[in-house]
Protein backbone atom coordinates (compact mmCIF):
# COMPACT_ATOMS: atom_id res chain seq x y z
CA MET A 1 -18.31 12.72 -3.56
CA GLU A 2 -19.34 16.12 -5.14
CA LYS A 3 -16.94 17.69 -7.49
CA SER A 4 -16.83 20.79 -5.04
CA ALA A 5 -16.23 18.86 -2.12
CA LYS A 6 -12.97 19.31 -0.23
CA ILE A 7 -10.97 16.18 -0.08
CA TYR A 8 -7.87 15.83 2.23
CA ILE A 9 -5.71 12.84 0.98
CA ALA A 10 -2.97 11.95 3.69
CA GLY A 11 0.23 10.84 2.35
CA HIS A 12 -0.09 12.38 -0.78
CA ARG A 13 3.51 12.41 -1.76
CA GLY A 14 4.07 8.51 -1.07
CA MET A 15 3.41 6.10 -4.15
CA VAL A 16 -0.01 5.38 -3.35
CA GLY A 17 -1.37 9.14 -1.93
CA SER A 18 0.20 10.47 -4.94
CA ALA A 19 -1.95 7.76 -7.42
CA ILE A 20 -4.80 9.11 -5.65
CA HIS A 21 -3.93 12.46 -5.87
CA ARG A 22 -3.21 12.29 -9.65
CA LYS A 23 -6.82 10.12 -9.82
CA LEU A 24 -8.83 12.93 -8.23
CA LEU A 25 -7.53 15.85 -10.39
CA SER A 26 -7.84 13.65 -13.49
CA GLU A 27 -11.60 13.14 -12.64
CA GLY A 28 -12.06 17.23 -12.17
CA TYR A 29 -12.07 17.23 -8.07
CA THR A 30 -9.78 20.57 -7.29
CA ASN A 31 -10.46 21.18 -3.65
CA LEU A 32 -7.75 19.18 -2.46
CA VAL A 33 -5.97 19.40 0.51
CA THR A 34 -2.53 18.15 1.28
CA ARG A 35 0.25 18.70 3.71
CA THR A 36 3.66 17.05 3.55
CA SER A 37 4.87 15.34 6.90
CA SER A 38 7.32 18.52 7.31
CA GLU A 39 3.95 21.09 7.36
CA LEU A 40 1.75 18.50 9.66
CA ASP A 41 3.46 15.77 11.58
CA LEU A 42 0.08 13.20 11.98
CA ARG A 43 1.65 11.41 14.72
CA ASN A 44 1.15 14.85 16.70
CA GLN A 45 -2.51 14.72 18.06
CA GLN A 46 -2.72 18.26 19.00
CA ALA A 47 -1.31 19.15 15.25
CA VAL A 48 -3.96 16.70 13.64
CA THR A 49 -6.51 18.28 15.94
CA ASP A 50 -5.75 21.99 14.60
CA PHE A 51 -5.70 20.92 11.05
CA PHE A 52 -9.31 19.18 10.95
CA VAL A 53 -10.93 22.25 13.09
CA ALA A 54 -9.20 24.76 10.58
CA GLU A 55 -9.54 22.62 7.16
CA LYS A 56 -12.99 20.75 8.04
CA PRO A 57 -12.46 18.13 5.34
CA ASP A 58 -15.56 16.48 3.49
CA TYR A 59 -13.92 13.36 2.57
CA VAL A 60 -10.64 11.89 3.49
CA PHE A 61 -8.37 9.14 1.64
CA LEU A 62 -6.17 8.14 4.61
CA ALA A 63 -2.79 6.66 2.76
CA ALA A 64 -0.42 8.15 5.14
CA ALA A 65 1.97 5.16 6.87
CA LYS A 66 5.58 4.40 7.95
CA VAL A 67 6.18 1.75 5.63
CA GLY A 68 8.99 -0.58 4.04
CA GLY A 69 10.30 -3.76 3.81
CA ILE A 70 11.14 -7.12 5.45
CA ILE A 71 14.55 -5.65 7.13
CA ALA A 72 13.08 -2.19 7.90
CA ASN A 73 9.85 -4.07 9.43
CA ASN A 74 11.72 -6.29 11.69
CA THR A 75 14.34 -3.65 12.29
CA TYR A 76 11.90 -0.87 13.34
CA ARG A 77 9.45 -3.03 15.15
CA ALA A 78 8.49 -0.38 18.13
CA ASP A 79 8.73 2.42 15.68
CA PHE A 80 6.11 0.71 12.86
CA LEU A 81 3.42 0.23 15.64
CA TYR A 82 3.81 3.36 17.69
CA GLU A 83 3.75 5.39 14.46
CA ASN A 84 1.28 3.70 12.37
CA LEU A 85 -1.06 3.42 15.42
CA ALA A 86 -0.58 7.42 16.13
CA ILE A 87 -1.20 8.42 12.44
CA GLN A 88 -4.28 6.47 12.38
CA ASN A 89 -5.87 6.87 15.55
CA ASN A 90 -5.38 11.08 15.36
CA VAL A 91 -6.85 11.08 11.58
CA ILE A 92 -9.71 8.81 12.32
CA HIS A 93 -10.81 10.41 15.57
CA GLN A 94 -10.60 13.65 14.20
CA ALA A 95 -12.66 12.73 11.16
CA TYR A 96 -15.16 11.66 13.51
CA GLU A 97 -14.99 15.03 15.53
CA THR A 98 -15.30 17.59 12.61
CA GLY A 99 -17.99 15.13 10.84
CA VAL A 100 -16.20 13.98 7.80
CA LYS A 101 -18.86 12.41 5.48
CA LYS A 102 -16.83 9.38 4.75
CA LEU A 103 -13.15 8.35 5.08
CA MET A 104 -11.09 5.48 3.45
CA PHE A 105 -8.39 3.60 5.49
CA LEU A 106 -5.93 2.02 3.34
CA GLY A 107 -4.02 -1.25 4.79
CA SER A 108 -2.23 -4.06 3.78
CA SER A 109 -2.31 -7.46 3.11
CA CYS A 110 0.57 -8.55 5.65
CA ILE A 111 -3.10 -8.25 7.98
CA TYR A 112 -3.56 -11.61 7.49
CA PRO A 113 -2.29 -14.63 9.40
CA LYS A 114 0.88 -16.08 7.95
CA LEU A 115 -0.37 -19.67 6.72
CA ALA A 116 -3.95 -18.37 5.83
CA PRO A 117 -5.59 -20.52 3.08
CA GLN A 118 -5.10 -19.28 -0.28
CA PRO A 119 -6.54 -17.11 -1.81
CA LEU A 120 -6.91 -14.63 0.95
CA LYS A 121 -10.38 -14.10 1.66
CA GLU A 122 -11.34 -10.68 3.90
CA GLU A 123 -12.91 -13.19 6.70
CA TYR A 124 -9.52 -14.74 6.82
CA LEU A 125 -8.52 -11.90 9.08
CA LEU A 126 -7.93 -12.88 12.76
CA THR A 127 -7.82 -16.44 12.22
CA GLY A 128 -4.35 -17.21 12.86
CA LEU A 129 -0.82 -16.12 14.00
CA LEU A 130 0.89 -12.84 11.66
CA GLU A 131 4.18 -13.39 9.66
CA GLU A 132 6.73 -12.60 12.50
CA THR A 133 8.83 -10.10 10.55
CA ASN A 134 6.25 -7.27 10.01
CA GLU A 135 3.82 -8.28 12.67
CA PRO A 136 3.86 -4.77 14.59
CA TYR A 137 2.89 -3.25 11.15
CA ALA A 138 0.16 -5.71 10.80
CA ILE A 139 -1.34 -5.17 14.07
CA ALA A 140 -1.36 -1.49 13.84
CA LYS A 141 -3.20 -1.68 10.23
CA ILE A 142 -5.38 -4.11 11.91
CA ALA A 143 -6.27 -1.72 14.71
CA GLY A 144 -7.07 0.73 12.02
CA ILE A 145 -9.83 -1.53 10.74
CA LYS A 146 -11.35 -2.43 13.69
CA LEU A 147 -10.99 1.40 14.64
CA CYS A 148 -13.24 2.31 11.74
CA ASP A 149 -15.41 -0.25 11.80
CA ALA A 150 -16.05 0.86 15.93
CA TYR A 151 -16.52 4.67 14.87
CA ARG A 152 -19.27 3.09 12.28
CA ALA A 153 -21.04 1.12 15.14
CA GLN A 154 -20.75 3.51 17.42
CA TYR A 155 -21.06 6.61 15.60
CA ASN A 156 -22.61 5.82 12.63
CA CYS A 157 -19.35 6.75 10.65
CA ASN A 158 -19.03 6.19 6.89
CA PHE A 159 -15.50 4.85 7.60
CA ILE A 160 -14.49 1.98 5.13
CA SER A 161 -11.27 -0.19 4.95
CA VAL A 162 -9.25 -1.41 1.94
CA MET A 163 -6.78 -3.67 1.82
CA PRO A 164 -4.13 -3.56 -1.16
CA THR A 165 -1.92 -6.18 -2.29
CA ASN A 166 1.68 -5.60 -3.01
CA LEU A 167 2.05 -2.13 -4.72
CA TYR A 168 4.36 -0.76 -7.25
CA GLY A 169 4.58 2.33 -9.56
CA TYR A 170 5.49 5.84 -9.57
CA ASN A 171 6.99 7.40 -6.88
CA ASP A 172 8.05 4.31 -5.42
CA ASN A 173 10.94 3.95 -2.68
CA TYR A 174 14.14 2.37 -4.30
CA HIS A 175 16.12 2.70 -1.11
CA PRO A 176 18.98 -0.12 -0.79
CA GLN A 177 17.42 -1.49 2.39
CA ASN A 178 13.93 -0.52 3.24
CA SER A 179 12.58 -0.87 -0.26
CA HIS A 180 9.87 -3.54 -1.10
CA VAL A 181 10.76 -6.55 -3.43
CA LEU A 182 9.82 -5.17 -6.63
CA PRO A 183 11.35 -1.64 -6.48
CA ALA A 184 14.43 -3.32 -4.94
CA LEU A 185 14.74 -5.86 -8.05
CA ILE A 186 14.50 -2.79 -10.33
CA ARG A 187 17.14 -1.00 -8.72
CA LYS A 188 19.54 -4.19 -8.50
CA PHE A 189 19.14 -5.46 -11.91
CA HIS A 190 19.81 -1.58 -13.22
CA GLU A 191 22.73 -1.20 -11.02
CA ALA A 192 23.87 -4.52 -12.08
CA LYS A 193 23.29 -3.60 -15.76
CA VAL A 194 25.24 -0.23 -15.50
CA ASN A 195 28.26 -1.62 -13.70
CA GLY A 196 28.66 -4.77 -16.02
CA THR A 197 28.23 -6.88 -12.79
CA PRO A 198 28.15 -10.40 -14.05
CA GLU A 199 25.52 -11.62 -11.66
CA VAL A 200 22.62 -10.44 -9.35
CA VAL A 201 22.06 -12.29 -6.35
CA ILE A 202 18.24 -12.27 -4.92
CA TRP A 203 16.99 -12.84 -1.47
CA GLY A 204 15.39 -15.96 -0.17
CA SER A 205 14.94 -19.15 -2.29
CA GLY A 206 12.56 -17.27 -5.22
CA SER A 207 9.74 -19.69 -4.80
CA PRO A 208 7.34 -17.45 -2.25
CA MET A 209 4.45 -16.02 -4.70
CA ARG A 210 3.37 -12.41 -4.46
CA GLU A 211 0.73 -10.28 -6.56
CA PHE A 212 1.35 -6.88 -7.57
CA LEU A 213 -0.91 -4.08 -8.42
CA PHE A 214 0.23 -0.83 -10.27
CA ALA A 215 -0.50 1.94 -8.09
CA ASP A 216 -2.76 3.86 -10.34
CA ASP A 217 -5.05 0.79 -10.78
CA LEU A 218 -5.14 1.06 -6.88
CA ALA A 219 -6.11 4.73 -7.09
CA ASN A 220 -8.99 3.61 -9.62
CA ALA A 221 -9.96 1.27 -6.98
CA CYS A 222 -10.13 3.45 -4.07
CA TYR A 223 -11.88 6.49 -6.35
CA PHE A 224 -14.41 3.60 -7.39
CA LEU A 225 -15.06 2.04 -3.95
CA MET A 226 -15.39 5.57 -2.69
CA GLN A 227 -18.30 5.92 -4.80
CA ASN A 228 -19.82 2.70 -4.29
CA TYR A 229 -18.87 0.78 -1.27
CA ASN A 230 -20.21 1.70 2.55
CA GLU A 231 -19.79 -1.36 4.57
CA PRO A 232 -17.70 -2.42 7.75
CA HIS A 233 -15.06 -4.87 7.96
CA LEU A 234 -13.05 -4.62 4.73
CA ILE A 235 -12.50 -5.13 1.12
CA ASN A 236 -9.15 -6.46 -0.78
CA ILE A 237 -8.12 -4.77 -3.72
CA GLY A 238 -5.71 -6.75 -6.16
CA THR A 239 -5.20 -8.39 -9.34
CA GLY A 240 -6.33 -11.91 -8.14
CA GLU A 241 -3.08 -13.22 -10.07
CA ASP A 242 0.36 -13.86 -8.54
CA LEU A 243 4.06 -15.46 -9.50
CA THR A 244 7.26 -16.61 -7.87
CA ILE A 245 9.52 -14.14 -6.60
CA LYS A 246 11.85 -16.18 -9.51
CA ASP A 247 9.62 -15.33 -12.11
CA LEU A 248 9.47 -11.93 -11.16
CA ALA A 249 13.07 -11.51 -11.05
CA LEU A 250 13.24 -12.97 -14.55
CA LEU A 251 10.51 -10.31 -15.55
CA VAL A 252 12.47 -7.36 -14.17
CA LYS A 253 15.56 -8.44 -15.53
CA LYS A 254 13.78 -8.69 -19.32
CA VAL A 255 12.39 -5.39 -18.62
CA THR A 256 15.97 -3.68 -17.79
CA GLY A 257 18.25 -5.52 -19.95
CA PHE A 258 20.39 -7.17 -17.85
CA GLU A 259 21.98 -10.12 -19.22
CA GLY A 260 23.99 -11.86 -16.47
CA ALA A 261 23.21 -14.83 -14.52
CA LEU A 262 20.39 -14.68 -11.46
CA THR A 263 21.51 -16.56 -8.25
CA PHE A 264 19.47 -16.96 -4.55
CA ASP A 265 20.48 -16.52 -1.34
CA SER A 266 18.40 -19.10 0.59
CA THR A 267 20.19 -18.15 3.64
CA LYS A 268 18.35 -14.83 3.84
CA PRO A 269 14.72 -15.09 4.96
CA ASP A 270 11.63 -15.64 2.24
CA GLY A 271 8.96 -13.99 4.15
CA THR A 272 5.27 -15.77 3.71
CA PRO A 273 5.19 -18.55 1.58
CA ARG A 274 1.95 -17.06 -0.56
CA LYS A 275 0.00 -13.84 -0.67
CA LEU A 276 -2.68 -13.51 -2.91
CA MET A 277 -5.95 -12.01 -2.60
CA ASP A 278 -9.23 -13.02 -3.13
CA VAL A 279 -10.72 -10.21 -4.98
CA SER A 280 -14.04 -11.85 -6.04
CA LYS A 281 -16.07 -9.19 -3.41
CA LEU A 282 -14.23 -6.53 -5.67
CA HIS A 283 -14.97 -7.96 -8.80
CA SER A 284 -18.52 -8.52 -8.34
CA LEU A 285 -19.09 -4.72 -7.57
CA GLY A 286 -17.84 -4.31 -11.33
CA TRP A 287 -14.08 -3.42 -10.64
CA LYS A 288 -10.93 -5.24 -12.36
CA HIS A 289 -7.25 -3.89 -12.64
CA GLN A 290 -6.47 -2.55 -16.01
CA VAL A 291 -2.47 -2.49 -16.29
CA GLU A 292 -0.41 -5.95 -16.31
CA LEU A 293 2.86 -6.70 -14.61
CA GLU A 294 5.25 -6.61 -17.20
CA GLU A 295 3.53 -3.25 -18.78
CA GLY A 296 3.87 -1.98 -15.40
CA ILE A 297 7.16 -2.92 -14.74
CA HIS A 298 8.13 -0.79 -17.71
CA LEU A 299 6.19 2.24 -16.63
CA ALA A 300 7.99 1.83 -13.35
CA TYR A 301 11.24 1.59 -14.68
CA GLN A 302 10.95 4.50 -16.85
CA ASP A 303 10.02 6.47 -13.17
CA PHE A 304 13.12 5.01 -11.68
CA MET A 305 15.23 6.33 -14.62
CA ALA A 306 13.72 9.67 -14.94
CA LYS A 307 13.78 10.27 -11.02
CA HIS A 308 16.95 8.50 -9.68
CA ILE A 309 19.54 8.21 -12.14
């Protein structure tokens, strides 16, 4: 990407988009185009068309999406499917229509079958049934991958798809009901510490295994791939390392300084038993994460304290 190139970051205020925005600024890119959701509703086809015709960006990072944890995904099934399809259909199509040089579509590790072999290789896509609770979101993201591949095949568009593992970091969502597991734990342990609560109850058995990537590491990977990767299908972005939810909870407990008890409510859903990304494809290109989990949780907790307390 030329330093003078006009780059549109869709979803620049979210955790992923803001990390990409910071990365591009740090690399000396100044011609960055952003719009808040109130300025540009990406679900609105005409609005997206007008925006692309007026701005004509050279490169696009498609990090805008309707996202949430297990409860949100399972409760707002129609919203998650419709809104994500609308956002990505509008942006990808207009990128083609206006001659964007390259587009990066960001998906999610939930695209893989619930019981796929571990670690998750890129070729496992569409080889089995999805996790029921987040199936609508996963189907939308799979459609986005296939849409990028279809525009590449039919129109020779350089549209690439990246699938990040579970993310956390600056500007994360700490909503009590709609957040993902790591920010939810940070909030839970912090509030328990402040309120002197004797115990923290964690959803599920604590046995599922999860992988976590600091969002600024993801942004570094996205920047690297935008420069060095031009293939169809998709590429995983992660650490290649995971831990149990119980061990994650113990780590967050340590970082936040909560000194009470830890119990697990096994009547609540666990979700997928394990979700570890195979990142050998990414490693073979020469990229590896830099922020280890405990350090990243410290950084995220500081950000939570600065913005939510």
